[in-house]
């Protein structure tokens, strides 16, 4: 598992249907906010988490859109 953080906007977190893979960093659509260990369609690892779950885990950096 990667030790880096995933970056997302506040709007992406509030969307509630987005996630990201901690193994490869790819984004995932159609993911529940509290998703844990879903299979990544890109790398096939079970490391996809909902963005809100990543926020609670301390693995998400929120940045402002300009």
Protein backbone atom coordinates (compact mmCIF):
# COMPACT_ATOMS: atom_id res chain seq x y z
CA UNK A 1 0.00 0.00 0.00
CA UNK A 2 1.24 3.46 -0.90
CA UNK A 3 2.09 5.88 1.90
CA UNK A 4 1.16 8.97 -0.15
CA UNK A 5 -2.05 10.88 0.21
CA UNK A 6 -4.85 11.22 -2.33
CA UNK A 7 -5.72 14.77 -3.38
CA UNK A 8 -9.32 15.89 -3.97
CA UNK A 9 -11.45 19.00 -3.91
CA UNK A 10 -14.13 19.56 -1.27
CA UNK A 11 -16.76 19.23 -4.02
CA UNK A 12 -15.40 15.80 -4.95
CA UNK A 13 -15.62 14.66 -1.34
CA UNK A 14 -19.15 16.04 -0.99
CA UNK A 15 -20.20 14.27 -4.20
CA UNK A 16 -20.32 11.01 -2.24
CA UNK A 17 -19.79 8.70 -5.23
CA UNK A 18 -16.04 8.97 -5.75
CA UNK A 19 -13.16 6.97 -4.40
CA UNK A 20 -9.49 6.35 -5.03
CA UNK A 21 -7.05 3.47 -4.95
CA UNK A 22 -4.32 3.68 -2.34
CA UNK A 23 -2.16 1.25 -4.32
CA UNK A 24 -2.02 3.09 -7.66
CA UNK A 25 -3.79 6.45 -7.08
CA UNK A 26 -6.45 5.92 -9.76
CA UNK A 27 -9.87 7.48 -9.17
CA UNK A 28 -12.99 5.34 -9.03
CA UNK A 29 -16.58 6.33 -9.81
CA UNK A 30 -19.67 4.79 -8.26
CA UNK A 31 -18.01 4.21 -4.89
CA UNK A 32 -19.87 4.60 -1.62
CA UNK A 33 -18.46 7.28 0.72
CA UNK A 34 -17.55 4.66 3.35
CA UNK A 35 -16.21 2.07 0.88
CA UNK A 36 -13.24 0.00 2.01
CA UNK A 37 -11.06 -2.43 0.10
CA UNK A 38 -13.01 -2.39 -3.19
CA UNK A 39 -11.17 -3.87 -6.17
CA UNK A 40 -9.42 -1.30 -8.37
CA UNK A 41 -10.33 -1.61 -12.04
CA UNK A 42 -6.86 -0.33 -12.98
CA UNK A 43 -4.40 -2.33 -10.84
CA UNK A 44 -6.78 -5.04 -9.51
CA UNK A 45 -5.69 -4.49 -5.90
CA UNK A 46 -8.32 -4.34 -3.14
CA UNK A 47 -7.30 -0.81 -2.14
CA UNK A 48 -10.17 1.43 -3.31
CA UNK A 49 -11.72 3.54 -0.57
CA UNK A 50 -14.44 6.18 -0.69
CA UNK A 51 -13.11 9.75 -0.48
CA UNK A 52 -14.94 10.39 2.78
CA UNK A 53 -13.43 7.22 4.25
CA UNK A 54 -9.97 8.35 3.12
CA UNK A 55 -10.58 11.68 4.85
CA UNK A 56 -11.39 9.91 8.12
CA UNK A 57 -8.29 7.74 7.71
CA UNK A 58 -6.09 10.82 7.30
CA UNK A 59 -5.15 9.74 3.76
CA UNK A 60 -6.85 12.59 1.86
CA UNK A 61 -5.60 16.12 1.21
CA UNK A 62 -8.32 18.59 0.24
CA UNK A 63 -7.33 21.43 -2.01
CA UNK A 64 -9.22 24.50 -3.19
CA UNK A 65 -10.30 24.90 -6.78
CA UNK A 66 -9.22 28.11 -8.45
